[in-house]
Amino acid sequence: MKGLIGIALLLAAGPLAAQEITIEYAKEVDFATVKTFQYSETEDTNIKDPMLGERIVADLKAKLIAGGLSEVEDNPDIYVTYHVTTEEKTKVNTQTFGYGGYAAGWGRWSVEGGGPASMTTETPYTEGTLIVDAYQASDKKMIWRGTGMVTVASKPKKQEQQIQNILNKMGNKWDKILKNAGE
């Protein structure tokens, strides 16, 4: 279980809170036996910014080590990798500004027209998803997946904080899973 705490801790990140964090894991696996890991690149490790990719790997390894796992070059208990997906989206916002129109008439008879004045704006944004996977080294079976989604910040420093937030929140959720499993 201590090994999985490390995996959970690897999923922590900074301000600009993650909008959604989910964790899935193989319930039949005894995570107490997981002591070592090796980072592994995959076809899905696909971040466009190589410097940000290096930071993700470094943060991932640091979280695993802080959680009690040891990084090895040969014969790990688990392989760990990450991948990122992004999707361009548009937020539509409509604001209403009172009642516009005209009135014409004589006495108590009148004709009115118009209606609420409104303005609609579209704001493009990028939704990003960071996925961290762990596989058993023995059979390459996926045993753990953490997923975090955010609206991607435009500045690299804030993106780094978002990654830290995601990793931290995944770690917190993992700690809760381990605590509930022990009860």
Protein backbone atom coordinates (compact mmCIF):
# COMPACT_ATOMS: atom_id res chain seq x y z
CA MET A 1 0.00 0.00 0.00
CA LYS A 2 2.90 2.31 0.67
CA GLY A 3 3.85 2.06 -3.02
CA LEU A 4 0.44 3.26 -4.08
CA ILE A 5 0.64 6.15 -1.70
CA GLY A 6 3.62 7.17 -3.79
CA ILE A 7 1.60 6.91 -6.95
CA ALA A 8 -1.09 8.98 -5.34
CA LEU A 9 1.41 11.56 -4.25
CA LEU A 10 2.76 11.73 -7.75
CA LEU A 11 -0.55 13.21 -8.74
CA ALA A 12 -0.29 16.59 -7.10
CA ALA A 13 -0.41 20.08 -8.60
CA GLY A 14 -0.75 23.85 -7.79
CA PRO A 15 -3.17 26.74 -8.02
CA LEU A 16 -5.52 26.90 -10.98
CA ALA A 17 -7.35 23.93 -9.55
CA ALA A 18 -8.08 20.91 -11.64
CA GLN A 19 -11.71 20.81 -12.64
CA GLU A 20 -11.99 17.04 -12.43
CA ILE A 21 -9.76 14.32 -11.02
CA THR A 22 -10.53 10.61 -11.31
CA ILE A 23 -8.63 7.51 -10.28
CA GLU A 24 -9.18 3.94 -11.39
CA TYR A 25 -7.27 0.93 -10.12
CA ALA A 26 -7.27 -2.86 -10.22
CA LYS A 27 -8.86 -3.88 -6.93
CA GLU A 28 -7.33 -7.34 -7.05
CA VAL A 29 -3.76 -5.99 -6.97
CA ASP A 30 -1.89 -5.96 -3.66
CA PHE A 31 -0.29 -2.55 -3.92
CA ALA A 32 1.69 -3.20 -0.72
CA THR A 33 4.01 -5.31 -2.86
CA VAL A 34 4.79 -2.39 -5.19
CA LYS A 35 8.16 -1.04 -4.13
CA THR A 36 9.93 -0.01 -7.37
CA PHE A 37 9.07 1.81 -10.58
CA GLN A 38 10.57 2.70 -13.91
CA TYR A 39 9.38 5.59 -16.06
CA SER A 40 8.58 4.47 -19.59
CA GLU A 41 7.93 6.56 -22.70
CA THR A 42 5.03 5.36 -24.84
CA GLU A 43 3.50 6.34 -28.16
CA ASP A 44 0.92 8.26 -26.13
CA THR A 45 3.51 10.40 -24.31
CA ASN A 46 2.79 13.26 -26.61
CA ILE A 47 3.10 16.71 -25.11
CA LYS A 48 3.99 19.35 -27.71
CA ASP A 49 6.27 21.36 -25.43
CA PRO A 50 9.36 19.23 -24.71
CA MET A 51 10.39 21.34 -21.70
CA LEU A 52 6.95 20.94 -20.13
CA GLY A 53 7.15 17.22 -20.87
CA GLU A 54 10.47 17.00 -19.02
CA ARG A 55 8.89 18.81 -16.05
CA ILE A 56 5.97 16.38 -16.00
CA VAL A 57 8.35 13.41 -15.94
CA ALA A 58 10.50 15.00 -13.21
CA ASP A 59 7.43 15.84 -11.09
CA LEU A 60 6.00 12.37 -11.63
CA LYS A 61 9.22 10.68 -10.51
CA ALA A 62 9.59 13.03 -7.53
CA LYS A 63 6.03 12.26 -6.35
CA LEU A 64 6.60 8.51 -6.64
CA ILE A 65 9.85 8.70 -4.72
CA ALA A 66 8.30 10.95 -2.05
CA GLY A 67 5.56 8.34 -1.71
CA GLY A 68 8.06 5.63 -0.84
CA LEU A 69 8.82 3.99 -4.20
CA SER A 70 12.34 3.57 -5.54
CA GLU A 71 13.24 4.28 -9.14
CA VAL A 72 15.15 1.44 -10.78
CA GLU A 73 16.62 0.87 -14.24
CA ASP A 74 15.93 -2.89 -14.35
CA ASN A 75 13.20 -5.21 -13.09
CA PRO A 76 10.70 -2.68 -11.66
CA ASP A 77 7.47 -3.71 -10.00
CA ILE A 78 5.58 -1.20 -12.16
CA TYR A 79 6.12 0.90 -15.25
CA VAL A 80 4.75 4.44 -15.05
CA THR A 81 3.98 6.76 -17.94
CA TYR A 82 1.86 9.78 -18.74
CA HIS A 83 0.03 11.25 -21.69
CA VAL A 84 -1.68 14.53 -22.38
CA THR A 85 -4.67 15.29 -24.56
CA THR A 86 -6.01 18.71 -25.46
CA GLU A 87 -9.20 19.89 -27.08
CA GLU A 88 -10.01 23.35 -28.34
CA LYS A 89 -13.40 24.50 -27.04
CA THR A 90 -15.51 27.65 -27.02
CA LYS A 91 -17.39 29.14 -24.09
CA VAL A 92 -20.52 31.04 -25.10
CA ASN A 93 -21.73 33.76 -22.74
CA THR A 94 -24.91 35.82 -23.25
CA GLN A 95 -25.61 38.89 -21.13
CA THR A 96 -28.94 40.72 -21.03
CA PHE A 97 -29.00 44.48 -20.52
CA GLY A 98 -32.47 45.59 -19.44
CA TYR A 99 -35.34 46.24 -21.81
CA GLY A 100 -34.90 48.03 -25.10
CA GLY A 101 -37.54 49.13 -27.59
CA TYR A 102 -39.99 51.89 -28.36
CA ALA A 103 -43.54 52.96 -27.55
CA ALA A 104 -45.88 55.03 -29.67
CA GLY A 105 -49.54 55.76 -29.23
CA TRP A 106 -52.21 58.12 -28.03
CA GLY A 107 -53.91 58.02 -24.65
CA ARG A 108 -54.10 54.59 -23.20
CA TRP A 109 -53.64 52.87 -26.54
CA SER A 110 -50.05 52.24 -27.58
CA VAL A 111 -47.92 49.91 -29.62
CA GLU A 112 -44.74 48.68 -28.03
CA GLY A 113 -41.86 46.81 -29.64
CA GLY A 114 -38.41 45.61 -28.81
CA GLY A 115 -37.27 43.38 -26.02
CA PRO A 116 -34.32 42.75 -23.81
CA ALA A 117 -31.05 43.93 -25.28
CA SER A 118 -28.38 41.26 -25.12
CA MET A 119 -24.85 40.56 -26.21
CA THR A 120 -23.30 37.14 -26.85
CA THR A 121 -19.56 36.58 -26.74
CA GLU A 122 -17.52 33.51 -27.60
CA THR A 123 -14.28 32.81 -25.75
CA PRO A 124 -11.97 30.08 -27.04
CA TYR A 125 -10.07 27.95 -24.53
CA THR A 126 -8.09 24.73 -24.41
CA GLU A 127 -9.20 21.87 -22.19
CA GLY A 128 -6.27 19.67 -21.20
CA THR A 129 -6.20 16.21 -19.69
CA LEU A 130 -3.18 14.71 -17.93
CA ILE A 131 -3.31 10.93 -17.61
CA VAL A 132 -0.87 8.92 -15.49
CA ASP A 133 -0.79 5.14 -15.94
CA ALA A 134 0.93 2.36 -14.00
CA TYR A 135 1.43 -1.13 -15.43
CA GLN A 136 2.59 -4.32 -13.76
CA ALA A 137 6.05 -5.08 -15.06
CA SER A 138 5.37 -8.82 -15.10
CA ASP A 139 2.53 -8.81 -17.64
CA LYS A 140 2.15 -5.15 -18.72
CA LYS A 141 -1.39 -5.11 -17.29
CA MET A 142 -2.62 -1.63 -16.39
CA ILE A 143 -3.25 -1.52 -12.65
CA TRP A 144 -3.71 2.19 -11.97
CA ARG A 145 -4.84 5.31 -13.86
CA GLY A 146 -5.16 8.88 -12.66
CA THR A 147 -6.83 11.50 -14.88
CA GLY A 148 -6.94 15.26 -14.32
CA MET A 149 -8.69 17.83 -16.51
CA VAL A 150 -8.14 21.61 -16.54
CA THR A 151 -8.66 24.66 -18.66
CA VAL A 152 -5.07 25.14 -19.81
CA ALA A 153 -3.43 28.39 -18.70
CA SER A 154 -1.69 30.44 -21.37
CA LYS A 155 1.57 30.98 -19.45
CA PRO A 156 4.08 28.13 -18.99
CA LYS A 157 4.61 28.89 -15.28
CA LYS A 158 0.87 28.59 -14.64
CA GLN A 159 0.71 25.40 -16.71
CA GLU A 160 3.40 23.96 -14.47
CA GLN A 161 1.30 24.92 -11.43
CA GLN A 162 -1.71 23.21 -13.00
CA ILE A 163 0.29 20.02 -13.42
CA GLN A 164 1.38 20.18 -9.80
CA ASN A 165 -2.27 20.70 -8.76
CA ILE A 166 -3.40 17.69 -10.75
CA LEU A 167 -0.69 15.48 -9.30
CA ASN A 168 -1.40 16.64 -5.73
CA LYS A 169 -5.15 16.11 -6.05
CA MET A 170 -4.66 12.65 -7.54
CA GLY A 171 -2.41 11.85 -4.60
CA ASN A 172 -5.02 13.05 -2.12
CA LYS A 173 -7.70 10.92 -3.76
CA TRP A 174 -5.41 7.93 -3.74
CA ASP A 175 -4.71 8.41 -0.04
CA LYS A 176 -8.48 8.30 0.60
CA ILE A 177 -8.82 5.10 -1.41
CA LEU A 178 -6.02 3.47 0.60
CA LYS A 179 -7.50 4.67 3.89
CA ASN A 180 -10.96 3.29 3.00
CA ALA A 181 -9.47 -0.03 1.84
CA GLY A 182 -7.77 -0.45 5.22
CA GLU A 183 -11.00 -0.08 7.17
